[in-house]
Amino acid sequence: MTFINTLQTAWKKQDSLVCVGLDSDLSRIPDHLKKEKHPLFAFNREIIDATAGLVCAYKPQIAYYSAVGAEKDLELTIHHIHEHYPGIPVILDAKRGDIGSTAQKYAAEAFDRYQADAVTVNPYLGEDSLRPFLNRKDKGVIILCRTSNPGAGDIQDLETGGKKIFRIIAEKAVNQWNENGNVLLVVGATWPEELGQIRSLAKGMPFLVPGIGAQGGDVEQAVLSGKTQDGTGLIINSSRGVIYAGKGEEFAEASRHAAEALRNEINRYR
């Protein structure tokens, strides 16, 4: 089954557009887990087991693992999801983008080493830098389009040929890069007007939507601006707002409540 098929099934089965971002910071996990051999995995496992019935995807951010030499924790986390919750896809948030053989290695890292179902990529270097990812027909390729950060407009709002760069990226994603039907776009909840503009261009293409929670994105605006006609089309990510919802030994239960509250809020506007 392809990433897109798995995602569509998860939307329906889970009745959820929620993605939990596993941005697990060693300095912020409960103290009782820090003595574990793989502390980030121990933290993630409890979050996953508590929230698996409420989400359509998980999204570990690779920097939180590689920065502390915890790549094994990342491998164990993805394996745990695949083994115990095979209907929930895993997005590796790596934002890769490079040329030629280097791009091929990055694709192998995401899909072969870590066994991710999808990966985020940066289109700045052009189509040849995306091609090793796009050629993996069963995998999702999630292209940065209008990101959630405050400085996004520094580059993405620049105009060429009368069009802003983020619109050009969206058009290329739809018209040139999606021949295998495996392309998605990153569009931040912090820019609801642009989210609506991109939806008008990309029609049924799924969007990964960061920016809810700690970054201040509004759930109602994001859903109304970005959903497709059938009330899906969005992977709405919350990281810190879910995984750090509680502290101490009850942290996983707090994360479940946070994920459930977000799912319910999103579903009110679908």
C-alpha atoms as a PDB file:
ATOM      1  CA  MET A   1       0.000   0.000   0.000  1.00  0.00           C
ATOM      2  CA  THR A   2       1.305   3.478  -0.840  1.00  0.00           C
ATOM      3  CA  PHE A   3       1.733   6.293   1.649  1.00  0.00           C
ATOM      4  CA  ILE A   4      -1.230   8.154   0.169  1.00  0.00           C
ATOM      5  CA  ASN A   5      -3.469   5.062   0.422  1.00  0.00           C
ATOM      6  CA  THR A   6      -2.398   4.490   4.027  1.00  0.00           C
ATOM      7  CA  LEU A   7      -3.028   8.126   4.883  1.00  0.00           C
ATOM      8  CA  GLN A   8      -6.480   8.144   3.307  1.00  0.00           C
ATOM      9  CA  THR A   9      -7.400   4.991   5.202  1.00  0.00           C
ATOM     10  CA  ALA A  10      -6.138   6.488   8.467  1.00  0.00           C
ATOM     11  CA  TRP A  11      -8.164   9.680   7.942  1.00  0.00           C
ATOM     12  CA  LYS A  12     -11.312   7.595   7.662  1.00  0.00           C
ATOM     13  CA  LYS A  13     -10.633   4.857  10.203  1.00  0.00           C
ATOM     14  CA  GLN A  14      -9.299   7.190  12.899  1.00  0.00           C
ATOM     15  CA  ASP A  15     -11.737  10.009  12.086  1.00  0.00           C
ATOM     16  CA  SER A  16      -8.739  12.269  12.548  1.00  0.00           C
ATOM     17  CA  LEU A  17      -6.539  14.767  10.758  1.00  0.00           C
ATOM     18  CA  VAL A  18      -4.141  14.983  13.721  1.00  0.00           C
ATOM     19  CA  CYS A  19      -0.433  14.296  13.361  1.00  0.00           C
ATOM     20  CA  VAL A  20       1.661  14.115  16.513  1.00  0.00           C
ATOM     21  CA  GLY A  21       5.135  15.527  16.017  1.00  0.00           C
ATOM     22  CA  LEU A  22       7.737  13.559  17.944  1.00  0.00           C
ATOM     23  CA  ASP A  23      10.133  16.467  18.531  1.00  0.00           C
ATOM     24  CA  SER A  24      11.418  14.706  21.607  1.00  0.00           C
ATOM     25  CA  ASP A  25      13.999  16.774  23.474  1.00  0.00           C
ATOM     26  CA  LEU A  26      16.240  14.895  25.883  1.00  0.00           C
ATOM     27  CA  SER A  27      16.285  17.887  28.232  1.00  0.00           C
ATOM     28  CA  ARG A  28      12.477  17.972  28.480  1.00  0.00           C
ATOM     29  CA  ILE A  29      11.460  14.355  28.935  1.00  0.00           C
ATOM     30  CA  PRO A  30      10.493  13.181  32.448  1.00  0.00           C
ATOM     31  CA  ASP A  31      13.418  12.448  34.724  1.00  0.00           C
ATOM     32  CA  HIS A  32      12.404   8.839  35.356  1.00  0.00           C
ATOM     33  CA  LEU A  33      12.963   8.046  31.656  1.00  0.00           C
ATOM     34  CA  LYS A  34      16.419   9.570  31.378  1.00  0.00           C
ATOM     35  CA  LYS A  35      18.017   6.496  32.952  1.00  0.00           C
ATOM     36  CA  GLU A  36      16.685   4.243  30.183  1.00  0.00           C
ATOM     37  CA  LYS A  37      19.123   2.821  27.626  1.00  0.00           C
ATOM     38  CA  HIS A  38      17.140   4.585  24.882  1.00  0.00           C
ATOM     39  CA  PRO A  39      15.378   7.414  26.711  1.00  0.00           C
ATOM     40  CA  LEU A  40      13.875   9.163  23.697  1.00  0.00           C
ATOM     41  CA  PHE A  41      12.401   5.906  22.472  1.00  0.00           C
ATOM     42  CA  ALA A  42      11.030   5.167  25.939  1.00  0.00           C
ATOM     43  CA  PHE A  43       9.342   8.587  25.932  1.00  0.00           C
ATOM     44  CA  ASN A  44       8.037   8.203  22.381  1.00  0.00           C
ATOM     45  CA  ARG A  45       6.702   4.718  22.991  1.00  0.00           C
ATOM     46  CA  GLU A  46       4.477   5.921  25.813  1.00  0.00           C
ATOM     47  CA  ILE A  47       3.260   8.905  23.770  1.00  0.00           C
ATOM     48  CA  ILE A  48       2.512   6.648  20.791  1.00  0.00           C
ATOM     49  CA  ASP A  49       0.726   3.994  22.830  1.00  0.00           C
ATOM     50  CA  ALA A  50      -1.406   6.689  24.463  1.00  0.00           C
ATOM     51  CA  THR A  51      -2.371   8.532  21.271  1.00  0.00           C
ATOM     52  CA  ALA A  52      -2.444   5.879  18.536  1.00  0.00           C
ATOM     53  CA  GLY A  53      -6.218   5.734  18.401  1.00  0.00           C
ATOM     54  CA  LEU A  54      -6.475   9.479  17.807  1.00  0.00           C
ATOM     55  CA  VAL A  55      -4.073  10.299  14.979  1.00  0.00           C
ATOM     56  CA  CYS A  56      -3.608   9.908  11.235  1.00  0.00           C
ATOM     57  CA  ALA A  57       0.220  10.116  11.317  1.00  0.00           C
ATOM     58  CA  TYR A  58       3.327  10.574  13.430  1.00  0.00           C
ATOM     59  CA  LYS A  59       6.151  12.930  12.499  1.00  0.00           C
ATOM     60  CA  PRO A  60       9.521  12.566  14.204  1.00  0.00           C
ATOM     61  CA  GLN A  61      11.900  15.478  13.562  1.00  0.00           C
ATOM     62  CA  ILE A  62      15.308  14.010  12.796  1.00  0.00           C
ATOM     63  CA  ALA A  63      17.339  16.841  14.351  1.00  0.00           C
ATOM     64  CA  TYR A  64      16.184  15.985  17.869  1.00  0.00           C
ATOM     65  CA  TYR A  65      17.742  12.545  17.470  1.00  0.00           C
ATOM     66  CA  SER A  66      20.880  13.201  15.448  1.00  0.00           C
ATOM     67  CA  ALA A  67      21.872  16.170  17.648  1.00  0.00           C
ATOM     68  CA  VAL A  68      22.320  13.875  20.636  1.00  0.00           C
ATOM     69  CA  GLY A  69      23.491  10.747  18.828  1.00  0.00           C
ATOM     70  CA  ALA A  70      20.124   9.064  19.331  1.00  0.00           C
ATOM     71  CA  GLU A  71      19.560   7.695  15.840  1.00  0.00           C
ATOM     72  CA  LYS A  72      18.865   4.278  17.352  1.00  0.00           C
ATOM     73  CA  ASP A  73      15.987   5.808  19.325  1.00  0.00           C
ATOM     74  CA  LEU A  74      14.545   7.093  16.059  1.00  0.00           C
ATOM     75  CA  GLU A  75      14.864   3.674  14.407  1.00  0.00           C
ATOM     76  CA  LEU A  76      13.188   2.017  17.383  1.00  0.00           C
ATOM     77  CA  THR A  77      10.398   4.607  17.383  1.00  0.00           C
ATOM     78  CA  ILE A  78       9.521   4.052  13.738  1.00  0.00           C
ATOM     79  CA  HIS A  79       9.763   0.287  14.116  1.00  0.00           C
ATOM     80  CA  HIS A  80       7.400   0.432  17.097  1.00  0.00           C
ATOM     81  CA  ILE A  81       4.786   2.332  15.095  1.00  0.00           C
ATOM     82  CA  HIS A  82       5.037  -0.020  12.130  1.00  0.00           C
ATOM     83  CA  GLU A  83       4.909  -3.142  14.290  1.00  0.00           C
ATOM     84  CA  HIS A  84       2.089  -2.157  16.637  1.00  0.00           C
ATOM     85  CA  TYR A  85       0.104   0.401  14.602  1.00  0.00           C
ATOM     86  CA  PRO A  86       0.714  -0.507  10.942  1.00  0.00           C
ATOM     87  CA  GLY A  87      -2.175   1.605   9.695  1.00  0.00           C
ATOM     88  CA  ILE A  88      -0.575   4.839  10.903  1.00  0.00           C
ATOM     89  CA  PRO A  89       2.067   6.273   8.541  1.00  0.00           C
ATOM     90  CA  VAL A  90       5.327   7.839   9.703  1.00  0.00           C
ATOM     91  CA  ILE A  91       6.606  11.103   8.254  1.00  0.00           C
ATOM     92  CA  LEU A  92      10.316  11.764   8.753  1.00  0.00           C
ATOM     93  CA  ASP A  93      10.718  15.520   9.078  1.00  0.00           C
ATOM     94  CA  ALA A  94      14.180  15.976   7.597  1.00  0.00           C
ATOM     95  CA  LYS A  95      13.722  18.761   4.995  1.00  0.00           C
ATOM     96  CA  ARG A  96      16.344  17.219   2.734  1.00  0.00           C
ATOM     97  CA  GLY A  97      17.434  18.830  -0.528  1.00  0.00           C
ATOM     98  CA  ASP A  98      20.669  18.246  -2.428  1.00  0.00           C
ATOM     99  CA  ILE A  99      21.922  17.222  -5.839  1.00  0.00           C
ATOM    100  CA  GLY A 100      22.660  13.944  -7.614  1.00  0.00           C
ATOM    101  CA  SER A 101      24.105  11.093  -5.619  1.00  0.00           C
ATOM    102  CA  THR A 102      23.735  13.015  -2.362  1.00  0.00           C
ATOM    103  CA  ALA A 103      19.973  13.253  -2.853  1.00  0.00           C
ATOM    104  CA  GLN A 104      19.915   9.526  -3.570  1.00  0.00           C
ATOM    105  CA  LYS A 105      21.635   8.883  -0.247  1.00  0.00           C
ATOM    106  CA  TYR A 106      19.187  11.126   1.594  1.00  0.00           C
ATOM    107  CA  ALA A 107      16.308   9.182   0.036  1.00  0.00           C
ATOM    108  CA  ALA A 108      17.933   5.921   1.120  1.00  0.00           C
ATOM    109  CA  GLU A 109      18.406   7.335   4.623  1.00  0.00           C
ATOM    110  CA  ALA A 110      14.733   8.211   4.995  1.00  0.00           C
ATOM    111  CA  PHE A 111      13.145   5.230   3.283  1.00  0.00           C
ATOM    112  CA  ASP A 112      15.626   2.369   3.636  1.00  0.00           C
ATOM    113  CA  ARG A 113      17.497   3.078   6.858  1.00  0.00           C
ATOM    114  CA  TYR A 114      14.674   4.599   8.901  1.00  0.00           C
ATOM    115  CA  GLN A 115      11.780   2.960   7.012  1.00  0.00           C
ATOM    116  CA  ALA A 116       9.783   6.185   6.969  1.00  0.00           C
ATOM    117  CA  ASP A 117       6.630   6.272   4.869  1.00  0.00           C
ATOM    118  CA  ALA A 118       7.168   9.886   3.821  1.00  0.00           C
ATOM    119  CA  VAL A 119       9.794  12.597   4.153  1.00  0.00           C
ATOM    120  CA  THR A 120       9.839  16.384   3.997  1.00  0.00           C
ATOM    121  CA  VAL A 121      12.038  17.872   1.259  1.00  0.00           C
ATOM    122  CA  ASN A 122      13.286  21.313   0.240  1.00  0.00           C
ATOM    123  CA  PRO A 123      12.684  22.190  -3.450  1.00  0.00           C
ATOM    124  CA  TYR A 124      15.179  25.075  -3.562  1.00  0.00           C
ATOM    125  CA  LEU A 125      17.693  23.129  -5.689  1.00  0.00           C
ATOM    126  CA  GLY A 126      15.113  22.169  -8.286  1.00  0.00           C
ATOM    127  CA  GLU A 127      13.580  19.026  -9.710  1.00  0.00           C
ATOM    128  CA  ASP A 128      16.756  16.964  -9.987  1.00  0.00           C
ATOM    129  CA  SER A 129      17.216  17.267  -6.214  1.00  0.00           C
ATOM    130  CA  LEU A 130      13.683  15.914  -5.710  1.00  0.00           C
ATOM    131  CA  ARG A 131      13.823  13.139  -8.292  1.00  0.00           C
ATOM    132  CA  PRO A 132      15.344  10.371  -6.067  1.00  0.00           C
ATOM    133  CA  PHE A 133      12.450  10.910  -3.653  1.00  0.00           C
ATOM    134  CA  LEU A 134       9.752  11.282  -6.306  1.00  0.00           C
ATOM    135  CA  ASN A 135      10.837   8.032  -7.950  1.00  0.00           C
ATOM    136  CA  ARG A 136       9.877   6.094  -4.824  1.00  0.00           C
ATOM    137  CA  LYS A 137       6.281   5.635  -5.918  1.00  0.00           C
ATOM    138  CA  ASP A 138       5.095   4.040  -2.704  1.00  0.00           C
ATOM    139  CA  LYS A 139       6.497   6.820  -0.499  1.00  0.00           C
ATOM    140  CA  GLY A 140       5.228  10.309   0.280  1.00  0.00           C
ATOM    141  CA  VAL A 141       7.287  13.334  -0.782  1.00  0.00           C
ATOM    142  CA  ILE A 142       6.245  16.388   1.243  1.00  0.00           C
ATOM    143  CA  ILE A 143       7.562  19.560  -0.386  1.00  0.00           C
ATOM    144  CA  LEU A 144       8.112  22.790   1.526  1.00  0.00           C
ATOM    145  CA  CYS A 145       5.791  25.397   0.036  1.00  0.00           C
ATOM    146  CA  ARG A 146       4.638  28.042   2.551  1.00  0.00           C
ATOM    147  CA  THR A 147       6.258  27.239   5.838  1.00  0.00           C
ATOM    148  CA  SER A 148       4.938  28.224   9.259  1.00  0.00           C
ATOM    149  CA  ASN A 149       7.906  30.230  10.553  1.00  0.00           C
ATOM    150  CA  PRO A 150       7.796  34.054  10.862  1.00  0.00           C
ATOM    151  CA  GLY A 151      10.520  34.559   8.244  1.00  0.00           C
ATOM    152  CA  ALA A 152       8.839  32.412   5.608  1.00  0.00           C
ATOM    153  CA  GLY A 153       7.993  35.390   3.439  1.00  0.00           C
ATOM    154  CA  ASP A 154      11.619  36.508   3.122  1.00  0.00           C
ATOM    155  CA  ILE A 155      11.998  34.097   0.209  1.00  0.00           C
ATOM    156  CA  GLN A 156       8.602  32.502  -0.367  1.00  0.00           C
ATOM    157  CA  ASP A 157       6.822  35.829  -1.002  1.00  0.00           C
ATOM    158  CA  LEU A 158       9.348  37.083  -3.541  1.00  0.00           C
ATOM    159  CA  GLU A 159       7.838  37.482  -6.995  1.00  0.00           C
ATOM    160  CA  THR A 160       9.098  36.342 -10.358  1.00  0.00           C
ATOM    161  CA  GLY A 161       7.035  36.548 -13.513  1.00  0.00           C
ATOM    162  CA  GLY A 162       4.228  38.118 -11.523  1.00  0.00           C
ATOM    163  CA  LYS A 163       3.906  35.121  -9.171  1.00  0.00           C
ATOM    164  CA  LYS A 164       5.117  34.573  -5.647  1.00  0.00           C
ATOM    165  CA  ILE A 165       7.576  31.756  -5.189  1.00  0.00           C
ATOM    166  CA  PHE A 166       5.256  29.718  -2.978  1.00  0.00           C
ATOM    167  CA  ARG A 167       2.634  29.734  -5.738  1.00  0.00           C
ATOM    168  CA  ILE A 168       5.226  28.631  -8.280  1.00  0.00           C
ATOM    169  CA  ILE A 169       6.235  25.745  -6.004  1.00  0.00           C
ATOM    170  CA  ALA A 170       2.595  24.715  -5.636  1.00  0.00           C
ATOM    171  CA  GLU A 171       2.027  24.830  -9.398  1.00  0.00           C
ATOM    172  CA  LYS A 172       5.141  22.776 -10.116  1.00  0.00           C
ATOM    173  CA  ALA A 173       4.138  20.258  -7.466  1.00  0.00           C
ATOM    174  CA  VAL A 174       0.753  19.810  -9.123  1.00  0.00           C
ATOM    175  CA  ASN A 175       1.736  20.017 -12.795  1.00  0.00           C
ATOM    176  CA  GLN A 176       5.305  18.655 -13.003  1.00  0.00           C
ATOM    177  CA  TRP A 177       6.368  16.672  -9.959  1.00  0.00           C
ATOM    178  CA  ASN A 178       3.327  14.564  -9.104  1.00  0.00           C
ATOM    179  CA  GLU A 179       3.302  12.034 -11.933  1.00  0.00           C
ATOM    180  CA  ASN A 180       3.398   9.212  -9.369  1.00  0.00           C
ATOM    181  CA  GLY A 181       0.663  10.722  -7.207  1.00  0.00           C
ATOM    182  CA  ASN A 182       2.944  10.804  -4.163  1.00  0.00           C
ATOM    183  CA  VAL A 183       3.495  14.550  -3.653  1.00  0.00           C
ATOM    184  CA  LEU A 184       2.212  16.591  -0.712  1.00  0.00           C
ATOM    185  CA  LEU A 185       2.883  20.194   0.320  1.00  0.00           C
ATOM    186  CA  VAL A 186       3.922  21.799   3.605  1.00  0.00           C
ATOM    187  CA  VAL A 187       1.657  24.785   4.237  1.00  0.00           C
ATOM    188  CA  GLY A 188       1.708  26.469   7.643  1.00  0.00           C
ATOM    189  CA  ALA A 189      -1.416  27.082   9.716  1.00  0.00           C
ATOM    190  CA  THR A 190       0.076  30.463  10.616  1.00  0.00           C
ATOM    191  CA  TRP A 191      -0.733  31.713   7.083  1.00  0.00           C
ATOM    192  CA  PRO A 192      -4.436  30.880   6.551  1.00  0.00           C
ATOM    193  CA  GLU A 193      -4.861  33.232   3.567  1.00  0.00           C
ATOM    194  CA  GLU A 194      -1.976  31.611   1.730  1.00  0.00           C
ATOM    195  CA  LEU A 195      -3.260  28.194   2.796  1.00  0.00           C
ATOM    196  CA  GLY A 196      -6.530  28.952   1.024  1.00  0.00           C
ATOM    197  CA  GLN A 197      -4.730  30.205  -2.077  1.00  0.00           C
ATOM    198  CA  ILE A 198      -2.648  27.060  -2.286  1.00  0.00           C
ATOM    199  CA  ARG A 199      -5.698  24.862  -1.785  1.00  0.00           C
ATOM    200  CA  SER A 200      -7.318  26.554  -4.782  1.00  0.00           C
ATOM    201  CA  LEU A 201      -4.265  25.574  -6.845  1.00  0.00           C
ATOM    202  CA  ALA A 202      -3.659  22.113  -5.440  1.00  0.00           C
ATOM    203  CA  LYS A 203      -7.273  20.910  -5.166  1.00  0.00           C
ATOM    204  CA  GLY A 204      -7.137  17.404  -3.663  1.00  0.00           C
ATOM    205  CA  MET A 205      -3.401  17.257  -2.854  1.00  0.00           C
ATOM    206  CA  PRO A 206      -2.769  16.537   0.849  1.00  0.00           C
ATOM    207  CA  PHE A 207      -1.092  19.226   2.947  1.00  0.00           C
ATOM    208  CA  LEU A 208       1.107  18.791   5.989  1.00  0.00           C
ATOM    209  CA  VAL A 209       0.076  21.707   8.204  1.00  0.00           C
ATOM    210  CA  PRO A 210       2.490  22.718  10.983  1.00  0.00           C
ATOM    211  CA  GLY A 211       2.066  25.754  13.187  1.00  0.00           C
ATOM    212  CA  ILE A 212      -0.834  24.708  15.419  1.00  0.00           C
ATOM    213  CA  GLY A 213      -0.249  25.030  19.148  1.00  0.00           C
ATOM    214  CA  ALA A 214       3.063  26.543  20.231  1.00  0.00           C
ATOM    215  CA  GLN A 215       3.426  28.525  16.977  1.00  0.00           C
ATOM    216  CA  GLY A 216       0.008  30.120  17.325  1.00  0.00           C
ATOM    217  CA  GLY A 217      -1.868  28.825  14.275  1.00  0.00           C
ATOM    218  CA  ASP A 218      -5.664  28.897  14.502  1.00  0.00           C
ATOM    219  CA  VAL A 219      -7.381  25.523  14.096  1.00  0.00           C
ATOM    220  CA  GLU A 220     -10.641  26.842  12.679  1.00  0.00           C
ATOM    221  CA  GLN A 221      -8.967  29.025  10.066  1.00  0.00           C
ATOM    222  CA  ALA A 222      -6.573  26.251   9.061  1.00  0.00           C
ATOM    223  CA  VAL A 223      -9.328  23.687   8.585  1.00  0.00           C
ATOM    224  CA  LEU A 224     -11.713  25.992   6.742  1.00  0.00           C
ATOM    225  CA  SER A 225      -8.945  27.324   4.486  1.00  0.00           C
ATOM    226  CA  GLY A 226      -7.247  24.029   3.738  1.00  0.00           C
ATOM    227  CA  LYS A 227      -9.674  21.122   3.811  1.00  0.00           C
ATOM    228  CA  THR A 228     -10.775  19.369   0.660  1.00  0.00           C
ATOM    229  CA  GLN A 229     -14.409  18.911  -0.348  1.00  0.00           C
ATOM    230  CA  ASP A 230     -14.677  15.640   1.544  1.00  0.00           C
ATOM    231  CA  GLY A 231     -13.408  17.230   4.757  1.00  0.00           C
ATOM    232  CA  THR A 232      -9.939  15.682   4.625  1.00  0.00           C
ATOM    233  CA  GLY A 233      -6.779  16.729   2.764  1.00  0.00           C
ATOM    234  CA  LEU A 234      -4.906  17.881   5.862  1.00  0.00           C
ATOM    235  CA  ILE A 235      -2.302  16.409   8.189  1.00  0.00           C
ATOM    236  CA  ILE A 236      -2.468  18.921  11.048  1.00  0.00           C
ATOM    237  CA  ASN A 237       0.636  18.617  13.169  1.00  0.00           C
ATOM    238  CA  SER A 238       1.065  19.435  16.820  1.00  0.00           C
ATOM    239  CA  SER A 239       4.332  18.605  18.520  1.00  0.00           C
ATOM    240  CA  ARG A 240       5.040  20.432  21.767  1.00  0.00           C
ATOM    241  CA  GLY A 241       1.344  21.000  22.428  1.00  0.00           C
ATOM    242  CA  VAL A 242       0.792  17.241  22.678  1.00  0.00           C
ATOM    243  CA  ILE A 243       4.002  15.585  23.794  1.00  0.00           C
ATOM    244  CA  TYR A 244       4.698  18.132  26.561  1.00  0.00           C
ATOM    245  CA  ALA A 245       1.090  18.518  27.692  1.00  0.00           C
ATOM    246  CA  GLY A 246       1.979  16.932  31.029  1.00  0.00           C
ATOM    247  CA  LYS A 247       4.957  16.227  33.242  1.00  0.00           C
ATOM    248  CA  GLY A 248       6.143  13.453  35.495  1.00  0.00           C
ATOM    249  CA  GLU A 249       4.857   9.899  35.319  1.00  0.00           C
ATOM    250  CA  GLU A 250       1.423  10.962  34.024  1.00  0.00           C
ATOM    251  CA  PHE A 251       2.811  12.636  30.903  1.00  0.00           C
ATOM    252  CA  ALA A 252       1.412  10.082  28.440  1.00  0.00           C
ATOM    253  CA  GLU A 253      -2.130  10.395  29.749  1.00  0.00           C
ATOM    254  CA  ALA A 254      -1.886  14.178  29.395  1.00  0.00           C
ATOM    255  CA  SER A 255      -0.685  13.764  25.822  1.00  0.00           C
ATOM    256  CA  ARG A 256      -3.687  11.577  25.064  1.00  0.00           C
ATOM    257  CA  HIS A 257      -6.069  14.230  26.383  1.00  0.00           C
ATOM    258  CA  ALA A 258      -4.300  16.920  24.340  1.00  0.00           C
ATOM    259  CA  ALA A 259      -4.450  14.857  21.145  1.00  0.00           C
ATOM    260  CA  GLU A 260      -8.109  14.031  21.719  1.00  0.00           C
ATOM    261  CA  ALA A 261      -8.972  17.683  22.337  1.00  0.00           C
ATOM    262  CA  LEU A 262      -7.206  18.704  19.141  1.00  0.00           C
ATOM    263  CA  ARG A 263      -8.926  15.992  17.123  1.00  0.00           C
ATOM    264  CA  ASN A 264     -12.315  17.063  18.435  1.00  0.00           C
ATOM    265  CA  GLU A 265     -11.631  20.717  17.727  1.00  0.00           C
ATOM    266  CA  ILE A 266     -10.542  19.967  14.159  1.00  0.00           C
ATOM    267  CA  ASN A 267     -13.565  17.758  13.560  1.00  0.00           C
ATOM    268  CA  ARG A 268     -15.924  20.564  14.561  1.00  0.00           C
ATOM    269  CA  TYR A 269     -14.859  22.499  11.469  1.00  0.00           C
ATOM    270  CA  ARG A 270     -14.598  19.685   8.899  1.00  0.00           C
END
